[in-house]
Protein backbone atom coordinates (compact mmCIF):
# COMPACT_ATOMS: atom_id res chain seq x y z
CA MET A 1 68.08 -34.68 140.47
CA HIS A 2 65.67 -36.30 138.29
CA LYS A 3 64.19 -32.80 137.39
CA TYR A 4 67.59 -31.26 136.69
CA VAL A 5 68.96 -33.97 134.58
CA VAL A 6 65.31 -33.77 132.55
CA TRP A 7 65.59 -30.54 132.03
CA THR A 8 69.34 -30.45 130.89
CA ALA A 9 68.26 -33.20 128.21
CA TYR A 10 65.42 -31.37 126.68
CA GLY A 11 67.27 -27.52 127.13
CA TRP A 12 70.76 -29.59 125.71
CA LEU A 13 68.43 -30.61 122.56
CA ALA A 14 66.77 -27.95 121.52
CA LEU A 15 69.69 -25.52 122.17
CA SER A 16 71.69 -27.81 119.98
CA GLY A 17 69.42 -28.01 117.60
CA ALA A 18 69.05 -24.27 116.94
CA LEU A 19 72.63 -23.60 116.83
CA HIS A 20 72.90 -26.43 114.70
CA PHE A 21 70.42 -25.17 112.03
CA GLY A 22 72.06 -21.55 112.57
CA ILE A 23 75.25 -22.68 111.33
CA ASP A 24 74.93 -25.55 109.04
CA VAL A 25 71.82 -23.65 107.74
CA VAL A 26 71.58 -20.11 107.91
CA SER A 27 75.10 -19.59 107.91
CA GLN A 28 76.14 -21.21 105.03
CA TYR A 29 73.30 -19.85 103.12
CA LEU A 30 74.31 -16.24 103.76
CA ARG A 31 78.14 -16.93 103.05
CA ASP A 32 77.13 -18.57 99.81
CA LYS A 33 78.75 -21.43 100.84
CA ARG A 34 77.45 -24.05 98.48
CA VAL A 35 77.14 -24.01 94.89
CA PRO A 36 73.35 -24.07 94.06
CA GLY A 37 72.28 -27.48 92.92
CA PRO A 38 70.81 -30.85 94.10
CA GLU A 39 73.44 -31.73 96.74
CA THR A 40 73.33 -28.10 98.19
CA THR A 41 69.49 -28.62 98.15
CA LEU A 42 69.50 -32.13 99.70
CA TYR A 43 72.11 -30.78 102.08
CA TYR A 44 69.99 -27.94 103.41
CA GLY A 45 67.09 -30.15 103.58
CA LEU A 46 68.95 -32.79 105.48
CA ASN A 47 69.94 -30.37 108.33
CA SER A 48 67.20 -28.26 108.28
CA ALA A 49 64.69 -31.55 109.18
CA PHE A 50 67.68 -32.88 111.68
CA ALA A 51 67.95 -29.62 113.71
CA LEU A 52 64.29 -28.23 113.55
CA GLY A 53 62.92 -32.05 114.46
CA GLN A 54 65.69 -31.40 117.59
CA VAL A 55 64.23 -28.06 118.32
CA GLY A 56 60.67 -29.08 118.24
CA PHE A 57 61.07 -32.84 120.25
CA GLY A 58 63.53 -30.34 122.84
CA LEU A 59 60.56 -27.43 123.33
CA LEU A 60 57.99 -30.27 123.96
CA GLY A 61 60.31 -31.98 126.55
CA LEU A 62 60.83 -28.57 128.18
CA PHE A 63 57.31 -27.42 128.25
CA LEU A 64 56.41 -31.00 129.49
CA ALA A 65 58.99 -30.63 132.26
CA TRP A 66 57.58 -27.22 132.70
CA ARG A 67 53.78 -28.54 133.20
CA ALA A 68 53.58 -31.90 133.95
CA MET A 69 57.10 -33.53 134.76
CA ASN A 70 55.46 -36.95 136.13
CA LEU A 71 54.31 -37.49 132.53
CA LEU A 72 58.45 -37.71 131.30
CA ASP A 73 58.39 -40.27 133.98
CA GLU A 74 56.32 -42.66 132.36
CA THR A 75 57.42 -45.78 130.28
CA PRO A 76 56.15 -44.66 127.06
CA VAL A 77 57.31 -40.89 127.05
CA GLN A 78 60.58 -42.31 127.96
CA ILE A 79 61.02 -45.26 125.19
CA LEU A 80 59.97 -42.43 122.76
CA SER A 81 62.52 -40.37 124.02
CA VAL A 82 65.35 -43.17 123.71
CA ALA A 83 63.65 -43.99 120.05
CA ALA A 84 64.29 -40.31 119.18
CA ALA A 85 68.16 -39.95 120.45
CA PHE A 86 69.00 -43.16 118.88
CA GLY A 87 67.14 -42.28 115.37
CA TRP A 88 69.30 -39.00 115.36
CA LEU A 89 72.52 -40.48 116.35
CA ALA A 90 72.23 -42.75 113.23
CA ILE A 91 71.17 -40.18 111.07
CA ALA A 92 73.81 -38.06 112.20
CA LEU A 93 76.65 -41.14 112.32
CA LEU A 94 75.70 -42.31 108.33
CA PHE A 95 74.93 -39.12 106.51
CA MET A 96 76.56 -36.10 108.52
CA ASP A 97 80.52 -35.17 107.47
CA TYR A 98 80.76 -32.95 110.62
CA TRP A 99 81.42 -34.42 114.13
CA GLU A 100 79.42 -31.69 116.38
CA PRO A 101 76.22 -33.23 115.21
CA LYS A 102 77.34 -36.38 116.31
CA LEU A 103 78.73 -35.06 119.80
CA ASN A 104 75.46 -33.47 120.41
CA VAL A 105 73.14 -35.89 119.94
CA GLY A 106 75.85 -38.45 121.92
CA ILE A 107 75.13 -35.86 124.74
CA PHE A 108 71.46 -36.09 124.57
CA CYS A 109 71.63 -39.77 124.36
CA ALA A 110 74.01 -40.03 127.68
CA LEU A 111 71.46 -37.16 129.28
CA VAL A 112 68.32 -39.14 128.30
CA VAL A 113 69.50 -42.31 129.79
CA ALA A 114 71.13 -40.49 133.11
CA ALA A 115 67.37 -39.05 133.46
CA ILE A 116 65.89 -42.86 133.32
CA ALA A 117 68.34 -43.77 135.59
CA THR A 118 67.76 -41.24 138.18
CA ARG A 119 63.69 -41.55 138.33
């Protein structure tokens, strides 16, 4: 069961990060939903960094799950995953207006805790 929870956690992170980037950055840019200016640049920058960091970390986790599952059971890797999850949760709660990124990161937090509990 632990293996499936790990795959789900990192897969969820990569998928939700990619969807976040597509919805909050690409689609709004293509539809000209924001007036050009410094606030728009900050909005796109925050959401791009947030989403692409999730995609990168999620893909790295999936790669490790595929090639070296036992490495993901090591305490330092689990601490890094928890720290990343809570960091993204803090950014979402403090700086993002939408509820979807908060929910997506909350689900990742729960999945990481479940992966640690099932090892």
